[in-house]
Amino acid sequence: MMSQIDISMRPSPENPEIMIVYLKGSLDSITSAELERSLSTLIEKKINRMIVNLAELNYISSAGWGIFVGIVKQVRASGGDLKLSGITKDILDIADLLGIKDIIPTYRTDQEATGSF
């Protein structure tokens, strides 16, 4: 089976300065490079407040988690932040196990994540 990820983004309806990135599919060692390019492009455009919606993501490898940790450091260095929303129970359990939740805040909905900025 080929690894596949669909990445789409749009500004938050509540705050257009916050970009919501929607992921669908699998985030692994192959697809994580694509995500890293997308998020790095946002940073280059001075967009440093991001929510990554994981509701339609069915898998995240350690490489995928590594992208989030690397990007969160970059955006925080420029006064922004990255938050995760729509995280499924299975992925949340792994995030908990890896200590990701201690680094990157997670929210049930995009609205909750937006309100936390």
PDB file of N, CA and C in Angstrom:
ATOM      1  N   MET A   1       0.838  -1.201   0.000  1.00  0.00           N
ATOM      2  CA  MET A   1       0.000   0.000   0.000  1.00  0.00           C
ATOM      3  C   MET A   1       0.874   1.252   0.000  1.00  0.00           C
ATOM      4  N   MET A   2       0.543   2.178  -0.860  1.00  0.00           N
ATOM      5  CA  MET A   2       1.300   3.427  -0.931  1.00  0.00           C
ATOM      6  C   MET A   2       0.866   4.365   0.194  1.00  0.00           C
ATOM      7  N   SER A   3       1.863   5.016   0.765  1.00  0.00           N
ATOM      8  CA  SER A   3       1.561   6.035   1.772  1.00  0.00           C
ATOM      9  C   SER A   3       0.941   7.218   1.068  1.00  0.00           C
ATOM     10  N   GLN A   4      -0.100   7.763   1.669  1.00  0.00           N
ATOM     11  CA  GLN A   4      -0.738   8.915   1.071  1.00  0.00           C
ATOM     12  C   GLN A   4      -1.192   9.878   2.136  1.00  0.00           C
ATOM     13  N   ILE A   5      -1.006  11.164   1.825  1.00  0.00           N
ATOM     14  CA  ILE A   5      -1.517  12.184   2.728  1.00  0.00           C
ATOM     15  C   ILE A   5      -2.116  13.293   1.887  1.00  0.00           C
ATOM     16  N   ASP A   6      -3.226  13.798   2.355  1.00  0.00           N
ATOM     17  CA  ASP A   6      -3.867  14.935   1.704  1.00  0.00           C
ATOM     18  C   ASP A   6      -3.766  16.094   2.690  1.00  0.00           C
ATOM     19  N   ILE A   7      -3.161  17.184   2.237  1.00  0.00           N
ATOM     20  CA  ILE A   7      -2.970  18.351   3.093  1.00  0.00           C
ATOM     21  C   ILE A   7      -3.742  19.517   2.494  1.00  0.00           C
ATOM     22  N   SER A   8      -4.642  20.082   3.289  1.00  0.00           N
ATOM     23  CA  SER A   8      -5.350  21.283   2.834  1.00  0.00           C
ATOM     24  C   SER A   8      -5.321  22.288   3.978  1.00  0.00           C
ATOM     25  N   MET A   9      -5.456  23.564   3.650  1.00  0.00           N
ATOM     26  CA  MET A   9      -5.425  24.566   4.711  1.00  0.00           C
ATOM     27  C   MET A   9      -6.324  25.732   4.392  1.00  0.00           C
ATOM     28  N   ARG A  10      -6.822  26.332   5.465  1.00  0.00           N
ATOM     29  CA  ARG A  10      -7.604  27.558   5.323  1.00  0.00           C
ATOM     30  C   ARG A  10      -7.534  28.335   6.628  1.00  0.00           C
ATOM     31  N   PRO A  11      -7.675  29.652   6.544  1.00  0.00           N
ATOM     32  CA  PRO A  11      -7.646  30.452   7.771  1.00  0.00           C
ATOM     33  C   PRO A  11      -8.819  30.105   8.680  1.00  0.00           C
ATOM     34  N   SER A  12      -8.610  30.236   9.974  1.00  0.00           N
ATOM     35  CA  SER A  12      -9.669  29.997  10.941  1.00  0.00           C
ATOM     36  C   SER A  12     -10.779  31.018  10.746  1.00  0.00           C
ATOM     37  N   PRO A  13     -12.051  30.562  10.716  1.00  0.00           N
ATOM     38  CA  PRO A  13     -13.161  31.525  10.571  1.00  0.00           C
ATOM     39  C   PRO A  13     -13.207  32.514  11.744  1.00  0.00           C
ATOM     40  N   GLU A  14     -12.779  32.069  12.924  1.00  0.00           N
ATOM     41  CA  GLU A  14     -12.814  32.939  14.107  1.00  0.00           C
ATOM     42  C   GLU A  14     -11.664  33.948  14.133  1.00  0.00           C
ATOM     43  N   ASN A  15     -10.525  33.577  13.538  1.00  0.00           N
ATOM     44  CA  ASN A  15      -9.360  34.457  13.529  1.00  0.00           C
ATOM     45  C   ASN A  15      -8.523  34.165  12.282  1.00  0.00           C
ATOM     46  N   PRO A  16      -8.651  35.012  11.239  1.00  0.00           N
ATOM     47  CA  PRO A  16      -7.974  34.735   9.970  1.00  0.00           C
ATOM     48  C   PRO A  16      -6.444  34.745  10.054  1.00  0.00           C
ATOM     49  N   GLU A  17      -5.894  35.181  11.196  1.00  0.00           N
ATOM     50  CA  GLU A  17      -4.436  35.136  11.350  1.00  0.00           C
ATOM     51  C   GLU A  17      -3.952  33.744  11.756  1.00  0.00           C
ATOM     52  N   ILE A  18      -4.887  32.869  12.078  1.00  0.00           N
ATOM     53  CA  ILE A  18      -4.543  31.495  12.453  1.00  0.00           C
ATOM     54  C   ILE A  18      -4.865  30.582  11.272  1.00  0.00           C
ATOM     55  N   MET A  19      -3.878  29.795  10.838  1.00  0.00           N
ATOM     56  CA  MET A  19      -4.083  28.876   9.723  1.00  0.00           C
ATOM     57  C   MET A  19      -4.407  27.488  10.265  1.00  0.00           C
ATOM     58  N   ILE A  20      -5.472  26.897   9.737  1.00  0.00           N
ATOM     59  CA  ILE A  20      -5.822  25.525  10.114  1.00  0.00           C
ATOM     60  C   ILE A  20      -5.383  24.608   8.976  1.00  0.00           C
ATOM     61  N   VAL A  21      -4.591  23.616   9.325  1.00  0.00           N
ATOM     62  CA  VAL A  21      -4.064  22.657   8.358  1.00  0.00           C
ATOM     63  C   VAL A  21      -4.782  21.328   8.600  1.00  0.00           C
ATOM     64  N   TYR A  22      -5.432  20.823   7.553  1.00  0.00           N
ATOM     65  CA  TYR A  22      -6.193  19.575   7.660  1.00  0.00           C
ATOM     66  C   TYR A  22      -5.391  18.443   7.031  1.00  0.00           C
ATOM     67  N   LEU A  23      -5.215  17.372   7.776  1.00  0.00           N
ATOM     68  CA  LEU A  23      -4.489  16.211   7.276  1.00  0.00           C
ATOM     69  C   LEU A  23      -5.439  15.036   7.131  1.00  0.00           C
ATOM     70  N   LYS A  24      -5.270  14.290   6.029  1.00  0.00           N
ATOM     71  CA  LYS A  24      -6.105  13.124   5.782  1.00  0.00           C
ATOM     72  C   LYS A  24      -5.204  12.019   5.248  1.00  0.00           C
ATOM     73  N   GLY A  25      -5.291  10.836   5.848  1.00  0.00           N
ATOM     74  CA  GLY A  25      -4.480   9.713   5.393  1.00  0.00           C
ATOM     75  C   GLY A  25      -3.481   9.288   6.440  1.00  0.00           C
ATOM     76  N   SER A  26      -2.248   9.050   6.008  1.00  0.00           N
ATOM     77  CA  SER A  26      -1.187   8.567   6.897  1.00  0.00           C
ATOM     78  C   SER A  26      -0.008   9.514   6.900  1.00  0.00           C
ATOM     79  N   LEU A  27       0.520   9.765   8.080  1.00  0.00           N
ATOM     80  CA  LEU A  27       1.696  10.608   8.224  1.00  0.00           C
ATOM     81  C   LEU A  27       2.843   9.694   8.654  1.00  0.00           C
ATOM     82  N   ASP A  28       3.722   9.370   7.689  1.00  0.00           N
ATOM     83  CA  ASP A  28       4.824   8.452   7.974  1.00  0.00           C
ATOM     84  C   ASP A  28       6.124   9.021   7.418  1.00  0.00           C
ATOM     85  N   SER A  29       7.147   8.202   7.352  1.00  0.00           N
ATOM     86  CA  SER A  29       8.457   8.697   6.914  1.00  0.00           C
ATOM     87  C   SER A  29       8.421   9.212   5.473  1.00  0.00           C
ATOM     88  N   ILE A  30       7.505   8.715   4.669  1.00  0.00           N
ATOM     89  CA  ILE A  30       7.407   9.166   3.277  1.00  0.00           C
ATOM     90  C   ILE A  30       6.604  10.461   3.176  1.00  0.00           C
ATOM     91  N   THR A  31       5.438  10.502   3.819  1.00  0.00           N
ATOM     92  CA  THR A  31       4.547  11.660   3.678  1.00  0.00           C
ATOM     93  C   THR A  31       4.922  12.817   4.595  1.00  0.00           C
ATOM     94  N   SER A  32       5.735  12.562   5.619  1.00  0.00           N
ATOM     95  CA  SER A  32       6.080  13.642   6.554  1.00  0.00           C
ATOM     96  C   SER A  32       6.888  14.743   5.871  1.00  0.00           C
ATOM     97  N   ALA A  33       7.668  14.409   4.835  1.00  0.00           N
ATOM     98  CA  ALA A  33       8.437  15.432   4.109  1.00  0.00           C
ATOM     99  C   ALA A  33       7.495  16.437   3.444  1.00  0.00           C
ATOM    100  N   GLU A  34       6.382  15.938   2.921  1.00  0.00           N
ATOM    101  CA  GLU A  34       5.385  16.810   2.285  1.00  0.00           C
ATOM    102  C   GLU A  34       4.764  17.758   3.316  1.00  0.00           C
ATOM    103  N   LEU A  35       4.456  17.227   4.490  1.00  0.00           N
ATOM    104  CA  LEU A  35       3.898  18.061   5.553  1.00  0.00           C
ATOM    105  C   LEU A  35       4.923  19.112   5.992  1.00  0.00           C
ATOM    106  N   GLU A  36       6.165  18.696   6.141  1.00  0.00           N
ATOM    107  CA  GLU A  36       7.205  19.631   6.562  1.00  0.00           C
ATOM    108  C   GLU A  36       7.331  20.783   5.568  1.00  0.00           C
ATOM    109  N   ARG A  37       7.286  20.480   4.274  1.00  0.00           N
ATOM    110  CA  ARG A  37       7.344  21.535   3.241  1.00  0.00           C
ATOM    111  C   ARG A  37       6.166  22.493   3.380  1.00  0.00           C
ATOM    112  N   SER A  38       4.968  21.946   3.569  1.00  0.00           N
ATOM    113  CA  SER A  38       3.762  22.779   3.682  1.00  0.00           C
ATOM    114  C   SER A  38       3.846  23.712   4.894  1.00  0.00           C
ATOM    115  N   LEU A  39       4.251  23.168   6.044  1.00  0.00           N
ATOM    116  CA  LEU A  39       4.318  23.982   7.259  1.00  0.00           C
ATOM    117  C   LEU A  39       5.465  24.993   7.187  1.00  0.00           C
ATOM    118  N   SER A  40       6.583  24.596   6.586  1.00  0.00           N
ATOM    119  CA  SER A  40       7.718  25.518   6.433  1.00  0.00           C
ATOM    120  C   SER A  40       7.351  26.682   5.521  1.00  0.00           C
ATOM    121  N   THR A  41       6.537  26.417   4.501  1.00  0.00           N
ATOM    122  CA  THR A  41       6.064  27.477   3.610  1.00  0.00           C
ATOM    123  C   THR A  41       5.242  28.496   4.387  1.00  0.00           C
ATOM    124  N   LEU A  42       4.388  28.014   5.308  1.00  0.00           N
ATOM    125  CA  LEU A  42       3.607  28.931   6.141  1.00  0.00           C
ATOM    126  C   LEU A  42       4.534  29.817   6.972  1.00  0.00           C
ATOM    127  N   ILE A  43       5.559  29.217   7.567  1.00  0.00           N
ATOM    128  CA  ILE A  43       6.506  29.974   8.394  1.00  0.00           C
ATOM    129  C   ILE A  43       7.219  31.032   7.553  1.00  0.00           C
ATOM    130  N   GLU A  44       7.620  30.647   6.332  1.00  0.00           N
ATOM    131  CA  GLU A  44       8.271  31.606   5.423  1.00  0.00           C
ATOM    132  C   GLU A  44       7.354  32.782   5.109  1.00  0.00           C
ATOM    133  N   LYS A  45       6.042  32.518   5.090  1.00  0.00           N
ATOM    134  CA  LYS A  45       5.059  33.582   4.824  1.00  0.00           C
ATOM    135  C   LYS A  45       4.686  34.335   6.096  1.00  0.00           C
ATOM    136  N   LYS A  46       5.449  34.111   7.173  1.00  0.00           N
ATOM    137  CA  LYS A  46       5.244  34.772   8.475  1.00  0.00           C
ATOM    138  C   LYS A  46       3.930  34.363   9.141  1.00  0.00           C
ATOM    139  N   ILE A  47       3.428  33.187   8.780  1.00  0.00           N
ATOM    140  CA  ILE A  47       2.255  32.639   9.462  1.00  0.00           C
ATOM    141  C   ILE A  47       2.799  31.711  10.544  1.00  0.00           C
ATOM    142  N   ASN A  48       2.709  32.146  11.813  1.00  0.00           N
ATOM    143  CA  ASN A  48       3.324  31.362  12.879  1.00  0.00           C
ATOM    144  C   ASN A  48       2.314  30.887  13.921  1.00  0.00           C
ATOM    145  N   ARG A  49       1.029  31.010  13.606  1.00  0.00           N
ATOM    146  CA  ARG A  49      -0.004  30.451  14.482  1.00  0.00           C
ATOM    147  C   ARG A  49      -0.777  29.431  13.659  1.00  0.00           C
ATOM    148  N   MET A  50      -0.636  28.166  14.045  1.00  0.00           N
ATOM    149  CA  MET A  50      -1.207  27.077  13.255  1.00  0.00           C
ATOM    150  C   MET A  50      -1.952  26.095  14.141  1.00  0.00           C
ATOM    151  N   ILE A  51      -3.013  25.552  13.567  1.00  0.00           N
ATOM    152  CA  ILE A  51      -3.728  24.433  14.168  1.00  0.00           C
ATOM    153  C   ILE A  51      -3.645  23.309  13.135  1.00  0.00           C
ATOM    154  N   VAL A  52      -3.225  22.142  13.568  1.00  0.00           N
ATOM    155  CA  VAL A  52      -3.211  20.998  12.656  1.00  0.00           C
ATOM    156  C   VAL A  52      -4.331  20.065  13.092  1.00  0.00           C
ATOM    157  N   ASN A  53      -5.310  19.898  12.183  1.00  0.00           N
ATOM    158  CA  ASN A  53      -6.477  19.073  12.466  1.00  0.00           C
ATOM    159  C   ASN A  53      -6.171  17.635  12.034  1.00  0.00           C
ATOM    160  N   LEU A  54      -6.224  16.723  13.001  1.00  0.00           N
ATOM    161  CA  LEU A  54      -5.864  15.325  12.759  1.00  0.00           C
ATOM    162  C   LEU A  54      -7.080  14.401  12.674  1.00  0.00           C
ATOM    163  N   ALA A  55      -8.276  14.966  12.577  1.00  0.00           N
ATOM    164  CA  ALA A  55      -9.506  14.157  12.631  1.00  0.00           C
ATOM    165  C   ALA A  55      -9.537  13.054  11.569  1.00  0.00           C
ATOM    166  N   GLU A  56      -8.956  13.309  10.391  1.00  0.00           N
ATOM    167  CA  GLU A  56      -9.017  12.305   9.322  1.00  0.00           C
ATOM    168  C   GLU A  56      -7.675  11.626   9.085  1.00  0.00           C
ATOM    169  N   LEU A  57      -6.805  11.736  10.072  1.00  0.00           N
ATOM    170  CA  LEU A  57      -5.508  11.070   9.980  1.00  0.00           C
ATOM    171  C   LEU A  57      -5.626   9.722  10.661  1.00  0.00           C
ATOM    172  N   ASN A  58      -5.199   8.661   9.988  1.00  0.00           N
ATOM    173  CA  ASN A  58      -5.356   7.335  10.596  1.00  0.00           C
ATOM    174  C   ASN A  58      -4.057   6.769  11.148  1.00  0.00           C
ATOM    175  N   TYR A  59      -2.930   7.457  10.917  1.00  0.00           N
ATOM    176  CA  TYR A  59      -1.661   6.935  11.403  1.00  0.00           C
ATOM    177  C   TYR A  59      -0.630   8.054  11.457  1.00  0.00           C
ATOM    178  N   ILE A  60       0.173   8.082  12.522  1.00  0.00           N
ATOM    179  CA  ILE A  60       1.318   8.992  12.605  1.00  0.00           C
ATOM    180  C   ILE A  60       2.523   8.187  13.073  1.00  0.00           C
ATOM    181  N   SER A  61       3.583   8.203  12.281  1.00  0.00           N
ATOM    182  CA  SER A  61       4.823   7.519  12.680  1.00  0.00           C
ATOM    183  C   SER A  61       5.679   8.465  13.517  1.00  0.00           C
ATOM    184  N   SER A  62       6.775   7.952  14.021  1.00  0.00           N
ATOM    185  CA  SER A  62       7.695   8.796  14.792  1.00  0.00           C
ATOM    186  C   SER A  62       8.229   9.936  13.927  1.00  0.00           C
ATOM    187  N   ALA A  63       8.399   9.698  12.634  1.00  0.00           N
ATOM    188  CA  ALA A  63       8.857  10.764  11.728  1.00  0.00           C
ATOM    189  C   ALA A  63       7.831  11.899  11.687  1.00  0.00           C
ATOM    190  N   GLY A  64       6.559  11.537  11.675  1.00  0.00           N
ATOM    191  CA  GLY A  64       5.489  12.534  11.674  1.00  0.00           C
ATOM    192  C   GLY A  64       5.481  13.352  12.949  1.00  0.00           C
ATOM    193  N   TRP A  65       5.601  12.665  14.092  1.00  0.00           N
ATOM    194  CA  TRP A  65       5.656  13.384  15.371  1.00  0.00           C
ATOM    195  C   TRP A  65       6.866  14.303  15.393  1.00  0.00           C
ATOM    196  N   GLY A  66       7.976  13.841  14.812  1.00  0.00           N
ATOM    197  CA  GLY A  66       9.194  14.648  14.754  1.00  0.00           C
ATOM    198  C   GLY A  66       8.996  15.949  14.002  1.00  0.00           C
ATOM    199  N   ILE A  67       8.205  15.921  12.933  1.00  0.00           N
ATOM    200  CA  ILE A  67       7.901  17.141  12.165  1.00  0.00           C
ATOM    201  C   ILE A  67       7.177  18.131  13.072  1.00  0.00           C
ATOM    202  N   PHE A  68       6.152  17.653  13.786  1.00  0.00           N
ATOM    203  CA  PHE A  68       5.392  18.550  14.670  1.00  0.00           C
ATOM    204  C   PHE A  68       6.289  19.193  15.726  1.00  0.00           C
ATOM    205  N   VAL A  69       7.156  18.387  16.338  1.00  0.00           N
ATOM    206  CA  VAL A  69       8.034  18.909  17.383  1.00  0.00           C
ATOM    207  C   VAL A  69       9.003  19.943  16.805  1.00  0.00           C
ATOM    208  N   GLY A  70       9.551  19.665  15.620  1.00  0.00           N
ATOM    209  CA  GLY A  70      10.464  20.612  14.973  1.00  0.00           C
ATOM    210  C   GLY A  70       9.772  21.912  14.603  1.00  0.00           C
ATOM    211  N   ILE A  71       8.576  21.815  14.037  1.00  0.00           N
ATOM    212  CA  ILE A  71       7.831  23.007  13.610  1.00  0.00           C
ATOM    213  C   ILE A  71       7.387  23.817  14.825  1.00  0.00           C
ATOM    214  N   VAL A  72       6.963  23.156  15.903  1.00  0.00           N
ATOM    215  CA  VAL A  72       6.495  23.887  17.082  1.00  0.00           C
ATOM    216  C   VAL A  72       7.635  24.740  17.649  1.00  0.00           C
ATOM    217  N   LYS A  73       8.859  24.224  17.610  1.00  0.00           N
ATOM    218  CA  LYS A  73      10.010  25.013  18.083  1.00  0.00           C
ATOM    219  C   LYS A  73      10.204  26.250  17.212  1.00  0.00           C
ATOM    220  N   GLN A  74      10.085  26.071  15.893  1.00  0.00           N
ATOM    221  CA  GLN A  74      10.257  27.198  14.968  1.00  0.00           C
ATOM    222  C   GLN A  74       9.205  28.280  15.185  1.00  0.00           C
ATOM    223  N   VAL A  75       7.930  27.876  15.277  1.00  0.00           N
ATOM    224  CA  VAL A  75       6.869  28.884  15.406  1.00  0.00           C
ATOM    225  C   VAL A  75       6.917  29.573  16.771  1.00  0.00           C
ATOM    226  N   ARG A  76       7.280  28.837  17.807  1.00  0.00           N
ATOM    227  CA  ARG A  76       7.381  29.466  19.126  1.00  0.00           C
ATOM    228  C   ARG A  76       8.541  30.453  19.176  1.00  0.00           C
ATOM    229  N   ALA A  77       9.617  30.170  18.445  1.00  0.00           N
ATOM    230  CA  ALA A  77      10.767  31.083  18.397  1.00  0.00           C
ATOM    231  C   ALA A  77      10.372  32.422  17.785  1.00  0.00           C
ATOM    232  N   SER A  78       9.326  32.417  16.949  1.00  0.00           N
ATOM    233  CA  SER A  78       8.869  33.668  16.325  1.00  0.00           C
ATOM    234  C   SER A  78       7.586  34.192  16.972  1.00  0.00           C
ATOM    235  N   GLY A  79       7.298  33.735  18.193  1.00  0.00           N
ATOM    236  CA  GLY A  79       6.156  34.261  18.937  1.00  0.00           C
ATOM    237  C   GLY A  79       4.823  33.612  18.622  1.00  0.00           C
ATOM    238  N   GLY A  80       4.837  32.528  17.864  1.00  0.00           N
ATOM    239  CA  GLY A  80       3.597  31.846  17.515  1.00  0.00           C
ATOM    240  C   GLY A  80       3.453  30.545  18.293  1.00  0.00           C
ATOM    241  N   ASP A  81       2.586  29.672  17.785  1.00  0.00           N
ATOM    242  CA  ASP A  81       2.421  28.363  18.400  1.00  0.00           C
ATOM    243  C   ASP A  81       1.754  27.421  17.405  1.00  0.00           C
ATOM    244  N   LEU A  82       1.839  26.132  17.701  1.00  0.00           N
ATOM    245  CA  LEU A  82       1.170  25.109  16.919  1.00  0.00           C
ATOM    246  C   LEU A  82       0.349  24.277  17.898  1.00  0.00           C
ATOM    247  N   LYS A  83      -0.884  24.007  17.521  1.00  0.00           N
ATOM    248  CA  LYS A  83      -1.783  23.206  18.360  1.00  0.00           C
ATOM    249  C   LYS A  83      -2.406  22.125  17.501  1.00  0.00           C
ATOM    250  N   LEU A  84      -2.786  21.032  18.127  1.00  0.00           N
ATOM    251  CA  LEU A  84      -3.419  19.928  17.417  1.00  0.00           C
ATOM    252  C   LEU A  84      -4.895  19.879  17.775  1.00  0.00           C
ATOM    253  N   SER A  85      -5.739  19.611  16.783  1.00  0.00           N
ATOM    254  CA  SER A  85      -7.177  19.492  17.050  1.00  0.00           C
ATOM    255  C   SER A  85      -7.729  18.238  16.384  1.00  0.00           C
ATOM    256  N   GLY A  86      -8.918  17.853  16.824  1.00  0.00           N
ATOM    257  CA  GLY A  86      -9.628  16.732  16.213  1.00  0.00           C
ATOM    258  C   GLY A  86      -8.902  15.409  16.336  1.00  0.00           C
ATOM    259  N   ILE A  87      -8.036  15.309  17.313  1.00  0.00           N
ATOM    260  CA  ILE A  87      -7.188  14.131  17.452  1.00  0.00           C
ATOM    261  C   ILE A  87      -8.033  12.933  17.894  1.00  0.00           C
ATOM    262  N   THR A  88      -7.867  11.805  17.212  1.00  0.00           N
ATOM    263  CA  THR A  88      -8.639  10.601  17.533  1.00  0.00           C
ATOM    264  C   THR A  88      -8.057   9.935  18.781  1.00  0.00           C
ATOM    265  N   LYS A  89      -8.837   9.091  19.411  1.00  0.00           N
ATOM    266  CA  LYS A  89      -8.400   8.460  20.653  1.00  0.00           C
ATOM    267  C   LYS A  89      -7.117   7.650  20.458  1.00  0.00           C
ATOM    268  N   ASP A  90      -7.035   6.880  19.392  1.00  0.00           N
ATOM    269  CA  ASP A  90      -5.847   6.051  19.152  1.00  0.00           C
ATOM    270  C   ASP A  90      -4.592   6.911  19.021  1.00  0.00           C
ATOM    271  N   ILE A  91      -4.704   7.990  18.252  1.00  0.00           N
ATOM    272  CA  ILE A  91      -3.546   8.861  18.055  1.00  0.00           C
ATOM    273  C   ILE A  91      -3.245   9.636  19.341  1.00  0.00           C
ATOM    274  N   LEU A  92      -4.286  10.027  20.066  1.00  0.00           N
ATOM    275  CA  LEU A  92      -4.088  10.731  21.332  1.00  0.00           C
ATOM    276  C   LEU A  92      -3.357   9.839  22.339  1.00  0.00           C
ATOM    277  N   ASP A  93      -3.704   8.550  22.363  1.00  0.00           N
ATOM    278  CA  ASP A  93      -3.041   7.608  23.268  1.00  0.00           C
ATOM    279  C   ASP A  93      -1.540   7.544  22.966  1.00  0.00           C
ATOM    280  N   ILE A  94      -1.196   7.522  21.686  1.00  0.00           N
ATOM    281  CA  ILE A  94       0.219   7.481  21.288  1.00  0.00           C
ATOM    282  C   ILE A  94       0.902   8.797  21.649  1.00  0.00           C
ATOM    283  N   ALA A  95       0.217   9.913  21.407  1.00  0.00           N
ATOM    284  CA  ALA A  95       0.777  11.226  21.751  1.00  0.00           C
ATOM    285  C   ALA A  95       1.069  11.291  23.244  1.00  0.00           C
ATOM    286  N   ASP A  96       0.171  10.713  24.027  1.00  0.00           N
ATOM    287  CA  ASP A  96       0.327  10.662  25.478  1.00  0.00           C
ATOM    288  C   ASP A  96       1.545   9.817  25.852  1.00  0.00           C
ATOM    289  N   LEU A  97       1.625   8.655  25.257  1.00  0.00           N
ATOM    290  CA  LEU A  97       2.712   7.714  25.513  1.00  0.00           C
ATOM    291  C   LEU A  97       4.081   8.324  25.185  1.00  0.00           C
ATOM    292  N   LEU A  98       4.144   9.058  24.080  1.00  0.00           N
ATOM    293  CA  LEU A  98       5.408   9.652  23.630  1.00  0.00           C
ATOM    294  C   LEU A  98       5.729  10.971  24.329  1.00  0.00           C
ATOM    295  N   GLY A  99       4.784  11.469  25.115  1.00  0.00           N
ATOM    296  CA  GLY A  99       5.008  12.743  25.789  1.00  0.00           C
ATOM    297  C   GLY A  99       4.760  13.948  24.892  1.00  0.00           C
ATOM    298  N   ILE A 100       4.145  13.727  23.735  1.00  0.00           N
ATOM    299  CA  ILE A 100       3.866  14.818  22.785  1.00  0.00           C
ATOM    300  C   ILE A 100       2.892  15.822  23.400  1.00  0.00           C
ATOM    301  N   LYS A 101       1.931  15.311  24.164  1.00  0.00           N
ATOM    302  CA  LYS A 101       0.933  16.203  24.774  1.00  0.00           C
ATOM    303  C   LYS A 101       1.570  17.207  25.732  1.00  0.00           C
ATOM    304  N   ASP A 102       2.743  16.857  26.265  1.00  0.00           N
ATOM    305  CA  ASP A 102       3.454  17.798  27.143  1.00  0.00           C
ATOM    306  C   ASP A 102       4.111  18.920  26.335  1.00  0.00           C
ATOM    307  N   ILE A 103       4.321  18.681  25.048  1.00  0.00           N
ATOM    308  CA  ILE A 103       5.009  19.645  24.185  1.00  0.00           C
ATOM    309  C   ILE A 103       4.008  20.456  23.361  1.00  0.00           C
ATOM    310  N   ILE A 104       3.031  19.754  22.802  1.00  0.00           N
ATOM    311  CA  ILE A 104       2.067  20.386  21.896  1.00  0.00           C
ATOM    312  C   ILE A 104       0.661  20.208  22.460  1.00  0.00           C
ATOM    313  N   PRO A 105      -0.048  21.320  22.736  1.00  0.00           N
ATOM    314  CA  PRO A 105      -1.402  21.189  23.284  1.00  0.00           C
ATOM    315  C   PRO A 105      -2.381  20.593  22.267  1.00  0.00           C
ATOM    316  N   THR A 106      -3.304  19.782  22.767  1.00  0.00           N
ATOM    317  CA  THR A 106      -4.311  19.155  21.913  1.00  0.00           C
ATOM    318  C   THR A 106      -5.707  19.613  22.320  1.00  0.00           C
ATOM    319  N   TYR A 107      -6.580  19.761  21.337  1.00  0.00           N
ATOM    320  CA  TYR A 107      -7.949  20.229  21.551  1.00  0.00           C
ATOM    321  C   TYR A 107      -8.908  19.360  20.761  1.00  0.00           C
ATOM    322  N   ARG A 108     -10.131  19.269  21.241  1.00  0.00           N
ATOM    323  CA  ARG A 108     -11.140  18.460  20.544  1.00  0.00           C
ATOM    324  C   ARG A 108     -11.536  19.095  19.217  1.00  0.00           C
ATOM    325  N   THR A 109     -11.690  20.427  19.212  1.00  0.00           N
ATOM    326  CA  THR A 109     -12.184  21.102  18.007  1.00  0.00           C
ATOM    327  C   THR A 109     -11.246  22.238  17.579  1.00  0.00           C
ATOM    328  N   ASP A 110     -11.384  22.645  16.334  1.00  0.00           N
ATOM    329  CA  ASP A 110     -10.625  23.787  15.814  1.00  0.00           C
ATOM    330  C   ASP A 110     -10.972  25.057  16.599  1.00  0.00           C
ATOM    331  N   GLN A 111     -12.268  25.182  16.963  1.00  0.00           N
ATOM    332  CA  GLN A 111     -12.717  26.381  17.687  1.00  0.00           C
ATOM    333  C   GLN A 111     -12.038  26.476  19.055  1.00  0.00           C
ATOM    334  N   GLU A 112     -11.955  25.345  19.766  1.00  0.00           N
ATOM    335  CA  GLU A 112     -11.272  25.341  21.065  1.00  0.00           C
ATOM    336  C   GLU A 112      -9.809  25.719  20.895  1.00  0.00           C
ATOM    337  N   ALA A 113      -9.166  25.166  19.885  1.00  0.00           N
ATOM    338  CA  ALA A 113      -7.756  25.449  19.638  1.00  0.00           C
ATOM    339  C   ALA A 113      -7.563  26.938  19.283  1.00  0.00           C
ATOM    340  N   THR A 114      -8.451  27.465  18.444  1.00  0.00           N
ATOM    341  CA  THR A 114      -8.377  28.885  18.063  1.00  0.00           C
ATOM    342  C   THR A 114      -8.509  29.768  19.289  1.00  0.00           C
ATOM    343  N   GLY A 115      -9.468  29.426  20.152  1.00  0.00           N
ATOM    344  CA  GLY A 115      -9.712  30.229  21.351  1.00  0.00           C
ATOM    345  C   GLY A 115      -8.566  30.194  22.339  1.00  0.00           C
ATOM    346  N   SER A 116      -7.670  29.226  22.198  1.00  0.00           N
ATOM    347  CA  SER A 116      -6.565  29.094  23.160  1.00  0.00           C
ATOM    348  C   SER A 116      -5.361  29.964  22.807  1.00  0.00           C
ATOM    349  N   PHE A 117      -5.398  30.608  21.637  1.00  0.00           N
ATOM    350  CA  PHE A 117      -4.252  31.454  21.236  1.00  0.00           C
ATOM    351  C   PHE A 117      -4.241  32.755  22.002  1.00  0.00           C
TER     352      PHE A 117
END
